[in-house]
Protein backbone atom coordinates (compact mmCIF):
# COMPACT_ATOMS: atom_id res chain seq x y z
CA UNK A 1 -67.69 205.19 54.36
CA UNK A 2 -71.41 205.17 55.77
CA UNK A 3 -70.06 202.13 58.10
CA UNK A 4 -67.07 203.64 59.90
CA UNK A 5 -66.64 205.93 63.02
CA UNK A 6 -63.74 208.49 61.39
CA UNK A 7 -62.91 209.20 57.64
CA UNK A 8 -59.91 211.05 57.28
CA UNK A 9 -58.64 212.28 54.06
CA UNK A 10 -55.33 213.84 51.86
CA UNK A 11 -56.55 217.12 51.23
CA UNK A 12 -56.61 216.15 47.60
CA UNK A 13 -59.70 213.95 48.04
CA UNK A 14 -62.32 213.86 45.70
CA UNK A 15 -66.02 212.28 46.68
CA UNK A 16 -68.56 211.19 44.43
CA UNK A 17 -71.30 208.77 43.90
CA UNK A 18 -72.31 209.05 39.92
CA UNK A 19 -75.15 206.74 39.43
CA UNK A 20 -77.27 208.72 37.45
CA UNK A 21 -74.37 209.22 35.05
CA UNK A 22 -73.47 205.72 34.94
CA UNK A 23 -77.87 204.73 34.66
CA UNK A 24 -77.56 203.14 38.03
CA UNK A 25 -79.84 203.66 41.54
CA UNK A 26 -77.86 204.74 44.50
CA UNK A 27 -76.35 201.73 46.53
CA UNK A 28 -75.12 200.76 49.52
CA UNK A 29 -77.37 202.47 51.85
CA UNK A 30 -76.18 205.73 50.68
CA UNK A 31 -79.64 207.25 49.73
CA UNK A 32 -80.11 206.27 53.60
CA UNK A 33 -76.93 207.76 55.25
CA UNK A 34 -75.97 210.38 52.64
CA UNK A 35 -79.17 212.81 54.11
CA UNK A 36 -78.32 212.30 57.07
CA UNK A 37 -74.74 212.86 57.20
CA UNK A 38 -74.59 215.86 54.87
CA UNK A 39 -78.34 217.16 54.55
CA UNK A 40 -80.89 216.55 51.92
CA UNK A 41 -80.26 219.38 49.61
CA UNK A 42 -76.58 218.51 49.58
CA UNK A 43 -77.30 214.64 49.02
CA UNK A 44 -79.63 215.28 46.40
CA UNK A 45 -76.51 217.20 44.79
CA UNK A 46 -74.62 214.52 44.81
CA UNK A 47 -76.82 211.59 44.52
CA UNK A 48 -78.99 213.44 41.54
CA UNK A 49 -76.50 215.18 40.28
CA UNK A 50 -73.38 213.36 40.50
CA UNK A 51 -71.83 216.21 42.41
CA UNK A 52 -68.20 215.55 43.60
CA UNK A 53 -67.25 217.00 47.03
CA UNK A 54 -63.53 217.72 47.51
CA UNK A 55 -61.65 216.97 50.93
CA UNK A 56 -62.96 220.01 52.47
CA UNK A 57 -66.81 219.98 51.15
CA UNK A 58 -66.62 216.61 52.58
CA UNK A 59 -65.51 218.02 56.02
CA UNK A 60 -67.35 220.72 55.80
CA UNK A 61 -70.69 218.55 55.61
CA UNK A 62 -69.69 215.62 58.05
CA UNK A 63 -68.50 212.56 55.16
CA UNK A 64 -65.49 213.02 56.81
CA UNK A 65 -63.72 213.94 60.00
CA UNK A 66 -60.77 215.51 58.97
CA UNK A 67 -58.12 216.52 56.81
CA UNK A 68 -54.75 215.05 56.93
CA UNK A 69 -51.36 216.61 55.73
CA UNK A 70 -50.37 215.81 51.79
CA UNK A 71 -48.51 212.77 51.82
CA UNK A 72 -45.77 211.86 49.50
CA UNK A 73 -46.07 208.23 47.31
CA UNK A 74 -45.65 205.75 50.24
CA UNK A 75 -45.04 207.50 52.65
CA UNK A 76 -47.03 206.53 56.09
CA UNK A 77 -48.42 208.74 58.45
CA UNK A 78 -47.59 208.67 62.19
CA UNK A 79 -51.18 207.50 63.98
CA UNK A 80 -50.16 210.58 66.48
CA UNK A 81 -50.51 212.94 64.15
CA UNK A 82 -54.27 211.86 63.17
CA UNK A 83 -56.80 213.52 65.56
CA UNK A 84 -58.52 211.86 68.57
CA UNK A 85 -55.80 208.64 68.30
CA UNK A 86 -53.98 209.10 72.01
CA UNK A 87 -57.48 209.61 73.66
CA UNK A 88 -58.84 206.62 72.41
CA UNK A 89 -55.50 204.39 72.83
CA UNK A 90 -56.07 206.08 76.48
CA UNK A 91 -59.69 205.30 76.91
CA UNK A 92 -60.91 201.98 78.65
CA UNK A 93 -61.52 199.43 76.33
CA UNK A 94 -64.66 197.96 78.00
CA UNK A 95 -65.52 201.75 78.34
CA UNK A 96 -65.01 202.01 74.84
CA UNK A 97 -66.65 199.02 73.47
CA UNK A 98 -69.77 199.60 75.64
CA UNK A 99 -70.11 203.35 73.42
CA UNK A 100 -69.99 201.77 70.20
CA UNK A 101 -72.38 199.42 71.47
CA UNK A 102 -74.74 202.34 72.33
CA UNK A 103 -74.27 203.91 69.13
CA UNK A 104 -74.92 201.22 67.03
CA UNK A 105 -77.96 200.46 69.06
CA UNK A 106 -79.06 204.01 68.61
CA UNK A 107 -79.56 203.48 64.50
CA UNK A 108 -82.85 203.01 62.98
CA UNK A 109 -82.04 199.02 61.98
CA UNK A 110 -85.44 198.17 60.48
CA UNK A 111 -85.08 201.71 58.61
CA UNK A 112 -81.96 200.89 57.20
CA UNK A 113 -82.30 197.21 56.31
CA UNK A 114 -85.43 198.35 54.35
CA UNK A 115 -83.81 200.96 52.30
CA UNK A 116 -80.72 198.83 51.38
CA UNK A 117 -83.82 196.31 50.41
CA UNK A 118 -85.42 199.13 48.26
CA UNK A 119 -82.19 199.94 47.06
CA UNK A 120 -81.50 196.57 46.12
CA UNK A 121 -84.84 196.21 44.13
CA UNK A 122 -84.03 199.20 42.40
CA UNK A 123 -81.04 197.53 40.79
């Protein structure tokens, strides 16, 4: 979830990071990304108290982009119903690639590498 541009969820989605309940340390950069995405207090609830986020809570705190309509099992959504897809498809490819490169370069890569290392050591 931390390495994607958009996260679309079903209305019934639940998100959890049950590290404490399984006697594990956070991993995959969750201790780095969660506070930056959802704020320190909610990240603490999710990581320290194993709080589950509903789809609505995930969108509200910025963990998910939007809630898509509920689908029946095996039913596929028409890509035109996904917010923003039409704009992405209409954007010049080079412009899109350049913007994506800038977004990636804006991350503090040294810090995330340090956090990932510390999480690995804690496991």
